[in-house]
Amino acid sequence: MGPATVAAAWQAGERWRLVCEAWRAGDLLVARVAPQRLPLEDPLANLPSTASALTLETDILDRLTLIEGPAGPRTTAYGMLADAINIARGRRE
């Protein structure tokens, strides 16, 4: 994805974000991670660069979005430590 692709999305009132999705298809759990163009009204489109969010779509609440503030060095270090421990334990989660 180059600057022209990003600029075209911005001109259209959208922003590119890396989106992870998971859903049920019958008895299967399907997951996908891919860049997506999101409208600026979408909460995921306006996150600061190191923030993350989880949007749940339910039959009762419709869409519920939880946002984690921008990650700092402590959050990054914790994630790296957790990954190293899981690797040492032989886990691949």
PDB file of N, CA and C in Angstrom:
ATOM      1  N   MET A   1       0.857  -1.162   0.000  1.00  0.00           N
ATOM      2  CA  MET A   1       0.000   0.000   0.000  1.00  0.00           C
ATOM      3  C   MET A   1       0.904   1.225   0.000  1.00  0.00           C
ATOM      4  N   GLY A   2       0.678   2.090  -0.947  1.00  0.00           N
ATOM      5  CA  GLY A   2       1.517   3.273  -1.069  1.00  0.00           C
ATOM      6  C   GLY A   2       0.797   4.547  -0.670  1.00  0.00           C
ATOM      7  N   PRO A   3       1.503   5.663  -0.731  1.00  0.00           N
ATOM      8  CA  PRO A   3       0.919   6.950  -0.357  1.00  0.00           C
ATOM      9  C   PRO A   3      -0.339   7.304  -1.152  1.00  0.00           C
ATOM     10  N   ALA A   4      -0.397   6.932  -2.424  1.00  0.00           N
ATOM     11  CA  ALA A   4      -1.573   7.261  -3.241  1.00  0.00           C
ATOM     12  C   ALA A   4      -2.813   6.522  -2.735  1.00  0.00           C
ATOM     13  N   THR A   5      -2.641   5.282  -2.303  1.00  0.00           N
ATOM     14  CA  THR A   5      -3.762   4.495  -1.776  1.00  0.00           C
ATOM     15  C   THR A   5      -4.281   5.107  -0.483  1.00  0.00           C
ATOM     16  N   VAL A   6      -3.360   5.509   0.383  1.00  0.00           N
ATOM     17  CA  VAL A   6      -3.740   6.135   1.653  1.00  0.00           C
ATOM     18  C   VAL A   6      -4.430   7.471   1.386  1.00  0.00           C
ATOM     19  N   ALA A   7      -3.883   8.256   0.471  1.00  0.00           N
ATOM     20  CA  ALA A   7      -4.473   9.558   0.142  1.00  0.00           C
ATOM     21  C   ALA A   7      -5.865   9.409  -0.462  1.00  0.00           C
ATOM     22  N   ALA A   8      -6.067   8.400  -1.294  1.00  0.00           N
ATOM     23  CA  ALA A   8      -7.386   8.177  -1.904  1.00  0.00           C
ATOM     24  C   ALA A   8      -8.427   7.864  -0.836  1.00  0.00           C
ATOM     25  N   ALA A   9      -8.050   7.070   0.154  1.00  0.00           N
ATOM     26  CA  ALA A   9      -8.983   6.763   1.248  1.00  0.00           C
ATOM     27  C   ALA A   9      -9.315   8.035   2.018  1.00  0.00           C
ATOM     28  N   TRP A  10      -8.302   8.829   2.312  1.00  0.00           N
ATOM     29  CA  TRP A  10      -8.514  10.074   3.057  1.00  0.00           C
ATOM     30  C   TRP A  10      -9.441  11.013   2.291  1.00  0.00           C
ATOM     31  N   GLN A  11      -9.238  11.129   0.982  1.00  0.00           N
ATOM     32  CA  GLN A  11     -10.089  11.979   0.138  1.00  0.00           C
ATOM     33  C   GLN A  11     -11.541  11.505   0.158  1.00  0.00           C
ATOM     34  N   ALA A  12     -11.745  10.197   0.310  1.00  0.00           N
ATOM     35  CA  ALA A  12     -13.093   9.618   0.332  1.00  0.00           C
ATOM     36  C   ALA A  12     -13.700   9.634   1.735  1.00  0.00           C
ATOM     37  N   GLY A  13     -12.992  10.230   2.712  1.00  0.00           N
ATOM     38  CA  GLY A  13     -13.506  10.264   4.079  1.00  0.00           C
ATOM     39  C   GLY A  13     -13.332   8.945   4.795  1.00  0.00           C
ATOM     40  N   GLU A  14     -12.271   8.232   4.455  1.00  0.00           N
ATOM     41  CA  GLU A  14     -11.995   6.932   5.070  1.00  0.00           C
ATOM     42  C   GLU A  14     -10.537   6.877   5.512  1.00  0.00           C
ATOM     43  N   ARG A  15     -10.240   5.871   6.321  1.00  0.00           N
ATOM     44  CA  ARG A  15      -8.880   5.672   6.802  1.00  0.00           C
ATOM     45  C   ARG A  15      -8.573   4.182   6.793  1.00  0.00           C
ATOM     46  N   TRP A  16      -7.361   3.832   6.407  1.00  0.00           N
ATOM     47  CA  TRP A  16      -6.930   2.433   6.427  1.00  0.00           C
ATOM     48  C   TRP A  16      -6.543   2.034   7.844  1.00  0.00           C
ATOM     49  N   ARG A  17      -7.000   0.855   8.273  1.00  0.00           N
ATOM     50  CA  ARG A  17      -6.616   0.283   9.563  1.00  0.00           C
ATOM     51  C   ARG A  17      -6.426  -1.214   9.387  1.00  0.00           C
ATOM     52  N   LEU A  18      -5.510  -1.787  10.166  1.00  0.00           N
ATOM     53  CA  LEU A  18      -5.342  -3.232  10.194  1.00  0.00           C
ATOM     54  C   LEU A  18      -6.411  -3.779  11.129  1.00  0.00           C
ATOM     55  N   VAL A  19      -7.316  -4.588  10.597  1.00  0.00           N
ATOM     56  CA  VAL A  19      -8.471  -5.072  11.353  1.00  0.00           C
ATOM     57  C   VAL A  19      -8.394  -6.588  11.495  1.00  0.00           C
ATOM     58  N   CYS A  20      -8.567  -7.051  12.716  1.00  0.00           N
ATOM     59  CA  CYS A  20      -8.661  -8.483  13.016  1.00  0.00           C
ATOM     60  C   CYS A  20     -10.135  -8.778  13.258  1.00  0.00           C
ATOM     61  N   GLU A  21     -10.659  -9.785  12.593  1.00  0.00           N
ATOM     62  CA  GLU A  21     -12.073 -10.141  12.738  1.00  0.00           C
ATOM     63  C   GLU A  21     -12.194 -11.625  13.045  1.00  0.00           C
ATOM     64  N   ALA A  22     -13.216 -11.981  13.783  1.00  0.00           N
ATOM     65  CA  ALA A  22     -13.540 -13.388  14.023  1.00  0.00           C
ATOM     66  C   ALA A  22     -15.053 -13.507  14.088  1.00  0.00           C
ATOM     67  N   TRP A  23     -15.583 -14.598  13.532  1.00  0.00           N
ATOM     68  CA  TRP A  23     -17.024 -14.827  13.542  1.00  0.00           C
ATOM     69  C   TRP A  23     -17.290 -16.313  13.412  1.00  0.00           C
ATOM     70  N   ARG A  24     -18.495 -16.685  13.757  1.00  0.00           N
ATOM     71  CA  ARG A  24     -18.917 -18.076  13.618  1.00  0.00           C
ATOM     72  C   ARG A  24     -19.609 -18.270  12.281  1.00  0.00           C
ATOM     73  N   ALA A  25     -19.279 -19.383  11.637  1.00  0.00           N
ATOM     74  CA  ALA A  25     -19.942 -19.806  10.404  1.00  0.00           C
ATOM     75  C   ALA A  25     -20.379 -21.243  10.644  1.00  0.00           C
ATOM     76  N   GLY A  26     -21.602 -21.392  11.141  1.00  0.00           N
ATOM     77  CA  GLY A  26     -22.061 -22.723  11.535  1.00  0.00           C
ATOM     78  C   GLY A  26     -21.287 -23.175  12.759  1.00  0.00           C
ATOM     79  N   ASP A  27     -20.635 -24.330  12.662  1.00  0.00           N
ATOM     80  CA  ASP A  27     -19.839 -24.850  13.772  1.00  0.00           C
ATOM     81  C   ASP A  27     -18.389 -24.378  13.727  1.00  0.00           C
ATOM     82  N   LEU A  28     -18.028 -23.623  12.719  1.00  0.00           N
ATOM     83  CA  LEU A  28     -16.645 -23.177  12.556  1.00  0.00           C
ATOM     84  C   LEU A  28     -16.431 -21.784  13.135  1.00  0.00           C
ATOM     85  N   LEU A  29     -15.221 -21.539  13.613  1.00  0.00           N
ATOM     86  CA  LEU A  29     -14.802 -20.201  13.999  1.00  0.00           C
ATOM     87  C   LEU A  29     -13.857 -19.715  12.907  1.00  0.00           C
ATOM     88  N   VAL A  30     -14.203 -18.622  12.266  1.00  0.00           N
ATOM     89  CA  VAL A  30     -13.427 -18.085  11.148  1.00  0.00           C
ATOM     90  C   VAL A  30     -12.751 -16.799  11.623  1.00  0.00           C
ATOM     91  N   ALA A  31     -11.496 -16.605  11.224  1.00  0.00           N
ATOM     92  CA  ALA A  31     -10.765 -15.394  11.610  1.00  0.00           C
ATOM     93  C   ALA A  31     -10.009 -14.847  10.408  1.00  0.00           C
ATOM     94  N   ARG A  32      -9.817 -13.527  10.420  1.00  0.00           N
ATOM     95  CA  ARG A  32      -9.106 -12.869   9.322  1.00  0.00           C
ATOM     96  C   ARG A  32      -8.412 -11.618   9.877  1.00  0.00           C
ATOM     97  N   VAL A  33      -7.217 -11.348   9.378  1.00  0.00           N
ATOM     98  CA  VAL A  33      -6.497 -10.111   9.677  1.00  0.00           C
ATOM     99  C   VAL A  33      -6.126  -9.491   8.335  1.00  0.00           C
ATOM    100  N   ALA A  34      -6.578  -8.265   8.107  1.00  0.00           N
ATOM    101  CA  ALA A  34      -6.314  -7.622   6.815  1.00  0.00           C
ATOM    102  C   ALA A  34      -6.527  -6.115   6.931  1.00  0.00           C
ATOM    103  N   PRO A  35      -5.837  -5.331   6.098  1.00  0.00           N
ATOM    104  CA  PRO A  35      -6.111  -3.892   6.056  1.00  0.00           C
ATOM    105  C   PRO A  35      -7.519  -3.655   5.507  1.00  0.00           C
ATOM    106  N   GLN A  36      -8.222  -2.694   6.113  1.00  0.00           N
ATOM    107  CA  GLN A  36      -9.564  -2.351   5.643  1.00  0.00           C
ATOM    108  C   GLN A  36      -9.725  -0.839   5.627  1.00  0.00           C
ATOM    109  N   ARG A  37     -10.484  -0.357   4.652  1.00  0.00           N
ATOM    110  CA  ARG A  37     -10.859   1.058   4.624  1.00  0.00           C
ATOM    111  C   ARG A  37     -12.080   1.228   5.506  1.00  0.00           C
ATOM    112  N   LEU A  38     -11.967   2.126   6.477  1.00  0.00           N
ATOM    113  CA  LEU A  38     -13.064   2.371   7.406  1.00  0.00           C
ATOM    114  C   LEU A  38     -13.516   3.823   7.300  1.00  0.00           C
ATOM    115  N   PRO A  39     -14.826   4.064   7.387  1.00  0.00           N
ATOM    116  CA  PRO A  39     -15.302   5.449   7.392  1.00  0.00           C
ATOM    117  C   PRO A  39     -14.827   6.149   8.664  1.00  0.00           C
ATOM    118  N   LEU A  40     -14.628   7.448   8.594  1.00  0.00           N
ATOM    119  CA  LEU A  40     -14.127   8.192   9.749  1.00  0.00           C
ATOM    120  C   LEU A  40     -15.083   8.145  10.932  1.00  0.00           C
ATOM    121  N   GLU A  41     -16.350   7.800  10.706  1.00  0.00           N
ATOM    122  CA  GLU A  41     -17.315   7.683  11.801  1.00  0.00           C
ATOM    123  C   GLU A  41     -17.084   6.411  12.618  1.00  0.00           C
ATOM    124  N   ASP A  42     -16.362   5.448  12.073  1.00  0.00           N
ATOM    125  CA  ASP A  42     -16.100   4.187  12.770  1.00  0.00           C
ATOM    126  C   ASP A  42     -15.106   4.444  13.900  1.00  0.00           C
ATOM    127  N   PRO A  43     -15.394   3.977  15.131  1.00  0.00           N
ATOM    128  CA  PRO A  43     -14.466   4.204  16.247  1.00  0.00           C
ATOM    129  C   PRO A  43     -13.059   3.674  15.971  1.00  0.00           C
ATOM    130  N   LEU A  44     -12.946   2.605  15.201  1.00  0.00           N
ATOM    131  CA  LEU A  44     -11.628   2.037  14.912  1.00  0.00           C
ATOM    132  C   LEU A  44     -10.805   2.938  13.994  1.00  0.00           C
ATOM    133  N   ALA A  45     -11.455   3.773  13.212  1.00  0.00           N
ATOM    134  CA  ALA A  45     -10.745   4.639  12.266  1.00  0.00           C
ATOM    135  C   ALA A  45     -10.016   5.780  12.961  1.00  0.00           C
ATOM    136  N   ASN A  46     -10.428   6.121  14.160  1.00  0.00           N
ATOM    137  CA  ASN A  46      -9.881   7.303  14.828  1.00  0.00           C
ATOM    138  C   ASN A  46      -9.011   6.998  16.033  1.00  0.00           C
ATOM    139  N   LEU A  47      -8.516   5.783  16.134  1.00  0.00           N
ATOM    140  CA  LEU A  47      -7.645   5.427  17.251  1.00  0.00           C
ATOM    141  C   LEU A  47      -6.264   6.048  17.074  1.00  0.00           C
ATOM    142  N   PRO A  48      -5.637   6.475  18.179  1.00  0.00           N
ATOM    143  CA  PRO A  48      -4.229   6.879  18.080  1.00  0.00           C
ATOM    144  C   PRO A  48      -3.386   5.687  17.618  1.00  0.00           C
ATOM    145  N   SER A  49      -2.220   5.951  17.105  1.00  0.00           N
ATOM    146  CA  SER A  49      -1.417   4.910  16.440  1.00  0.00           C
ATOM    147  C   SER A  49      -1.126   3.685  17.289  1.00  0.00           C
ATOM    148  N   THR A  50      -0.920   3.824  18.594  1.00  0.00           N
ATOM    149  CA  THR A  50      -0.580   2.654  19.406  1.00  0.00           C
ATOM    150  C   THR A  50      -1.741   2.157  20.255  1.00  0.00           C
ATOM    151  N   ALA A  51      -2.923   2.696  20.060  1.00  0.00           N
ATOM    152  CA  ALA A  51      -4.096   2.228  20.797  1.00  0.00           C
ATOM    153  C   ALA A  51      -4.676   1.004  20.094  1.00  0.00           C
ATOM    154  N   SER A  52      -5.482   0.261  20.831  1.00  0.00           N
ATOM    155  CA  SER A  52      -6.178  -0.873  20.228  1.00  0.00           C
ATOM    156  C   SER A  52      -7.615  -0.876  20.734  1.00  0.00           C
ATOM    157  N   ALA A  53      -8.469  -1.580  20.014  1.00  0.00           N
ATOM    158  CA  ALA A  53      -9.884  -1.594  20.373  1.00  0.00           C
ATOM    159  C   ALA A  53     -10.484  -2.942  20.040  1.00  0.00           C
ATOM    160  N   LEU A  54     -11.560  -3.234  20.716  1.00  0.00           N
ATOM    161  CA  LEU A  54     -12.324  -4.451  20.473  1.00  0.00           C
ATOM    162  C   LEU A  54     -13.771  -4.032  20.278  1.00  0.00           C
ATOM    163  N   THR A  55     -14.355  -4.387  19.149  1.00  0.00           N
ATOM    164  CA  THR A  55     -15.764  -4.113  18.894  1.00  0.00           C
ATOM    165  C   THR A  55     -16.508  -5.433  18.883  1.00  0.00           C
ATOM    166  N   LEU A  56     -17.511  -5.519  19.729  1.00  0.00           N
ATOM    167  CA  LEU A  56     -18.368  -6.700  19.789  1.00  0.00           C
ATOM    168  C   LEU A  56     -19.685  -6.367  19.118  1.00  0.00           C
ATOM    169  N   GLU A  57     -20.131  -7.234  18.245  1.00  0.00           N
ATOM    170  CA  GLU A  57     -21.444  -7.072  17.620  1.00  0.00           C
ATOM    171  C   GLU A  57     -22.333  -8.173  18.169  1.00  0.00           C
ATOM    172  N   THR A  58     -23.390  -7.768  18.877  1.00  0.00           N
ATOM    173  CA  THR A  58     -24.270  -8.736  19.525  1.00  0.00           C
ATOM    174  C   THR A  58     -25.710  -8.519  19.084  1.00  0.00           C
ATOM    175  N   ASP A  59     -26.537  -9.483  19.399  1.00  0.00           N
ATOM    176  CA  ASP A  59     -27.948  -9.361  19.045  1.00  0.00           C
ATOM    177  C   ASP A  59     -28.684  -8.397  19.974  1.00  0.00           C
ATOM    178  N   ILE A  60     -28.145  -8.122  21.157  1.00  0.00           N
ATOM    179  CA  ILE A  60     -28.824  -7.256  22.116  1.00  0.00           C
ATOM    180  C   ILE A  60     -28.236  -5.846  22.125  1.00  0.00           C
ATOM    181  N   LEU A  61     -26.908  -5.735  22.182  1.00  0.00           N
ATOM    182  CA  LEU A  61     -26.260  -4.429  22.298  1.00  0.00           C
ATOM    183  C   LEU A  61     -25.860  -3.823  20.966  1.00  0.00           C
ATOM    184  N   ASP A  62     -26.106  -4.503  19.878  1.00  0.00           N
ATOM    185  CA  ASP A  62     -25.668  -4.067  18.557  1.00  0.00           C
ATOM    186  C   ASP A  62     -24.151  -3.997  18.548  1.00  0.00           C
ATOM    187  N   ARG A  63     -23.540  -2.800  18.582  1.00  0.00           N
ATOM    188  CA  ARG A  63     -22.070  -2.679  18.582  1.00  0.00           C
ATOM    189  C   ARG A  63     -21.601  -2.051  19.888  1.00  0.00           C
ATOM    190  N   LEU A  64     -20.655  -2.723  20.536  1.00  0.00           N
ATOM    191  CA  LEU A  64     -20.046  -2.222  21.764  1.00  0.00           C
ATOM    192  C   LEU A  64     -18.538  -2.197  21.529  1.00  0.00           C
ATOM    193  N   THR A  65     -17.902  -1.024  21.671  1.00  0.00           N
ATOM    194  CA  THR A  65     -16.469  -0.891  21.413  1.00  0.00           C
ATOM    195  C   THR A  65     -15.734  -0.540  22.696  1.00  0.00           C
ATOM    196  N   LEU A  66     -14.708  -1.333  23.010  1.00  0.00           N
ATOM    197  CA  LEU A  66     -13.823  -1.087  24.147  1.00  0.00           C
ATOM    198  C   LEU A  66     -12.490  -0.610  23.583  1.00  0.00           C
ATOM    199  N   ILE A  67     -11.977   0.493  24.121  1.00  0.00           N
ATOM    200  CA  ILE A  67     -10.743   1.074  23.599  1.00  0.00           C
ATOM    201  C   ILE A  67      -9.681   1.086  24.690  1.00  0.00           C
ATOM    202  N   GLU A  68      -8.491   0.560  24.347  1.00  0.00           N
ATOM    203  CA  GLU A  68      -7.339   0.619  25.238  1.00  0.00           C
ATOM    204  C   GLU A  68      -6.504   1.812  24.803  1.00  0.00           C
ATOM    205  N   GLY A  69      -6.136   2.646  25.763  1.00  0.00           N
ATOM    206  CA  GLY A  69      -5.358   3.838  25.450  1.00  0.00           C
ATOM    207  C   GLY A  69      -4.038   3.515  24.785  1.00  0.00           C
ATOM    208  N   PRO A  70      -3.377   4.549  24.306  1.00  0.00           N
ATOM    209  CA  PRO A  70      -2.096   4.328  23.631  1.00  0.00           C
ATOM    210  C   PRO A  70      -1.130   3.549  24.521  1.00  0.00           C
ATOM    211  N   ALA A  71      -0.473   2.572  23.929  1.00  0.00           N
ATOM    212  CA  ALA A  71       0.478   1.743  24.663  1.00  0.00           C
ATOM    213  C   ALA A  71       1.788   2.499  24.825  1.00  0.00           C
ATOM    214  N   GLY A  72       2.350   2.399  26.006  1.00  0.00           N
ATOM    215  CA  GLY A  72       3.649   3.007  26.268  1.00  0.00           C
ATOM    216  C   GLY A  72       4.706   1.926  26.421  1.00  0.00           C
ATOM    217  N   PRO A  73       5.887   2.295  26.863  1.00  0.00           N
ATOM    218  CA  PRO A  73       6.971   1.325  27.018  1.00  0.00           C
ATOM    219  C   PRO A  73       6.624   0.187  27.977  1.00  0.00           C
ATOM    220  N   ARG A  74       5.900   0.478  29.048  1.00  0.00           N
ATOM    221  CA  ARG A  74       5.555  -0.564  30.027  1.00  0.00           C
ATOM    222  C   ARG A  74       4.642  -1.620  29.394  1.00  0.00           C
ATOM    223  N   THR A  75       3.634  -1.181  28.648  1.00  0.00           N
ATOM    224  CA  THR A  75       2.724  -2.123  27.988  1.00  0.00           C
ATOM    225  C   THR A  75       3.468  -2.967  26.964  1.00  0.00           C
ATOM    226  N   THR A  76       4.341  -2.338  26.198  1.00  0.00           N
ATOM    227  CA  THR A  76       5.125  -3.064  25.197  1.00  0.00           C
ATOM    228  C   THR A  76       6.047  -4.072  25.865  1.00  0.00           C
ATOM    229  N   ALA A  77       6.715  -3.670  26.939  1.00  0.00           N
ATOM    230  CA  ALA A  77       7.619  -4.576  27.657  1.00  0.00           C
ATOM    231  C   ALA A  77       6.848  -5.758  28.233  1.00  0.00           C
ATOM    232  N   TYR A  78       5.658  -5.512  28.784  1.00  0.00           N
ATOM    233  CA  TYR A  78       4.848  -6.603  29.322  1.00  0.00           C
ATOM    234  C   TYR A  78       4.485  -7.594  28.220  1.00  0.00           C
ATOM    235  N   GLY A  79       4.078  -7.095  27.071  1.00  0.00           N
ATOM    236  CA  GLY A  79       3.726  -7.974  25.958  1.00  0.00           C
ATOM    237  C   GLY A  79       4.904  -8.806  25.500  1.00  0.00           C
ATOM    238  N   MET A  80       6.091  -8.187  25.429  1.00  0.00           N
ATOM    239  CA  MET A  80       7.286  -8.927  25.018  1.00  0.00           C
ATOM    240  C   MET A  80       7.652  -9.988  26.048  1.00  0.00           C
ATOM    241  N   LEU A  81       7.534  -9.658  27.336  1.00  0.00           N
ATOM    242  CA  LEU A  81       7.824 -10.629  28.392  1.00  0.00           C
ATOM    243  C   LEU A  81       6.844 -11.794  28.335  1.00  0.00           C
ATOM    244  N   ALA A  82       5.556 -11.496  28.169  1.00  0.00           N
ATOM    245  CA  ALA A  82       4.546 -12.562  28.078  1.00  0.00           C
ATOM    246  C   ALA A  82       4.822 -13.460  26.877  1.00  0.00           C
ATOM    247  N   ASP A  83       5.194 -12.877  25.740  1.00  0.00           N
ATOM    248  CA  ASP A  83       5.527 -13.679  24.556  1.00  0.00           C
ATOM    249  C   ASP A  83       6.732 -14.568  24.823  1.00  0.00           C
ATOM    250  N   ALA A  84       7.777 -14.020  25.461  1.00  0.00           N
ATOM    251  CA  ALA A  84       8.984 -14.802  25.751  1.00  0.00           C
ATOM    252  C   ALA A  84       8.673 -15.966  26.689  1.00  0.00           C
ATOM    253  N   ILE A  85       7.838 -15.726  27.696  1.00  0.00           N
ATOM    254  CA  ILE A  85       7.455 -16.801  28.624  1.00  0.00           C
ATOM    255  C   ILE A  85       6.677 -17.879  27.890  1.00  0.00           C
ATOM    256  N   ASN A  86       5.737 -17.486  27.042  1.00  0.00           N
ATOM    257  CA  ASN A  86       4.961 -18.473  26.287  1.00  0.00           C
ATOM    258  C   ASN A  86       5.837 -19.262  25.325  1.00  0.00           C
ATOM    259  N   ILE A  87       6.816 -18.607  24.701  1.00  0.00           N
ATOM    260  CA  ILE A  87       7.745 -19.322  23.818  1.00  0.00           C
ATOM    261  C   ILE A  87       8.546 -20.333  24.623  1.00  0.00           C
ATOM    262  N   ALA A  88       9.030 -19.918  25.800  1.00  0.00           N
ATOM    263  CA  ALA A  88       9.804 -20.823  26.651  1.00  0.00           C
ATOM    264  C   ALA A  88       8.966 -22.016  27.103  1.00  0.00           C
ATOM    265  N   ARG A  89       7.685 -21.812  27.284  1.00  0.00           N
ATOM    266  CA  ARG A  89       6.788 -22.899  27.697  1.00  0.00           C
ATOM    267  C   ARG A  89       6.341 -23.754  26.516  1.00  0.00           C
ATOM    268  N   GLY A  90       6.692 -23.329  25.319  1.00  0.00           N
ATOM    269  CA  GLY A  90       6.311 -24.094  24.134  1.00  0.00           C
ATOM    270  C   GLY A  90       4.900 -23.829  23.658  1.00  0.00           C
ATOM    271  N   ARG A  91       4.303 -22.710  24.091  1.00  0.00           N
ATOM    272  CA  ARG A  91       2.938 -22.377  23.671  1.00  0.00           C
ATOM    273  C   ARG A  91       2.984 -21.537  22.416  1.00  0.00           C
ATOM    274  N   ARG A  92       1.977 -21.694  21.590  1.00  0.00           N
ATOM    275  CA  ARG A  92       1.895 -20.909  20.351  1.00  0.00           C
ATOM    276  C   ARG A  92       0.557 -20.201  20.284  1.00  0.00           C
ATOM    277  N   GLU A  93       0.269 -19.360  21.232  1.00  0.00           N
ATOM    278  CA  GLU A  93      -1.020 -18.662  21.292  1.00  0.00           C
ATOM    279  C   GLU A  93      -0.869 -17.237  20.862  1.00  0.00           C
TER     280      GLU A  93
END
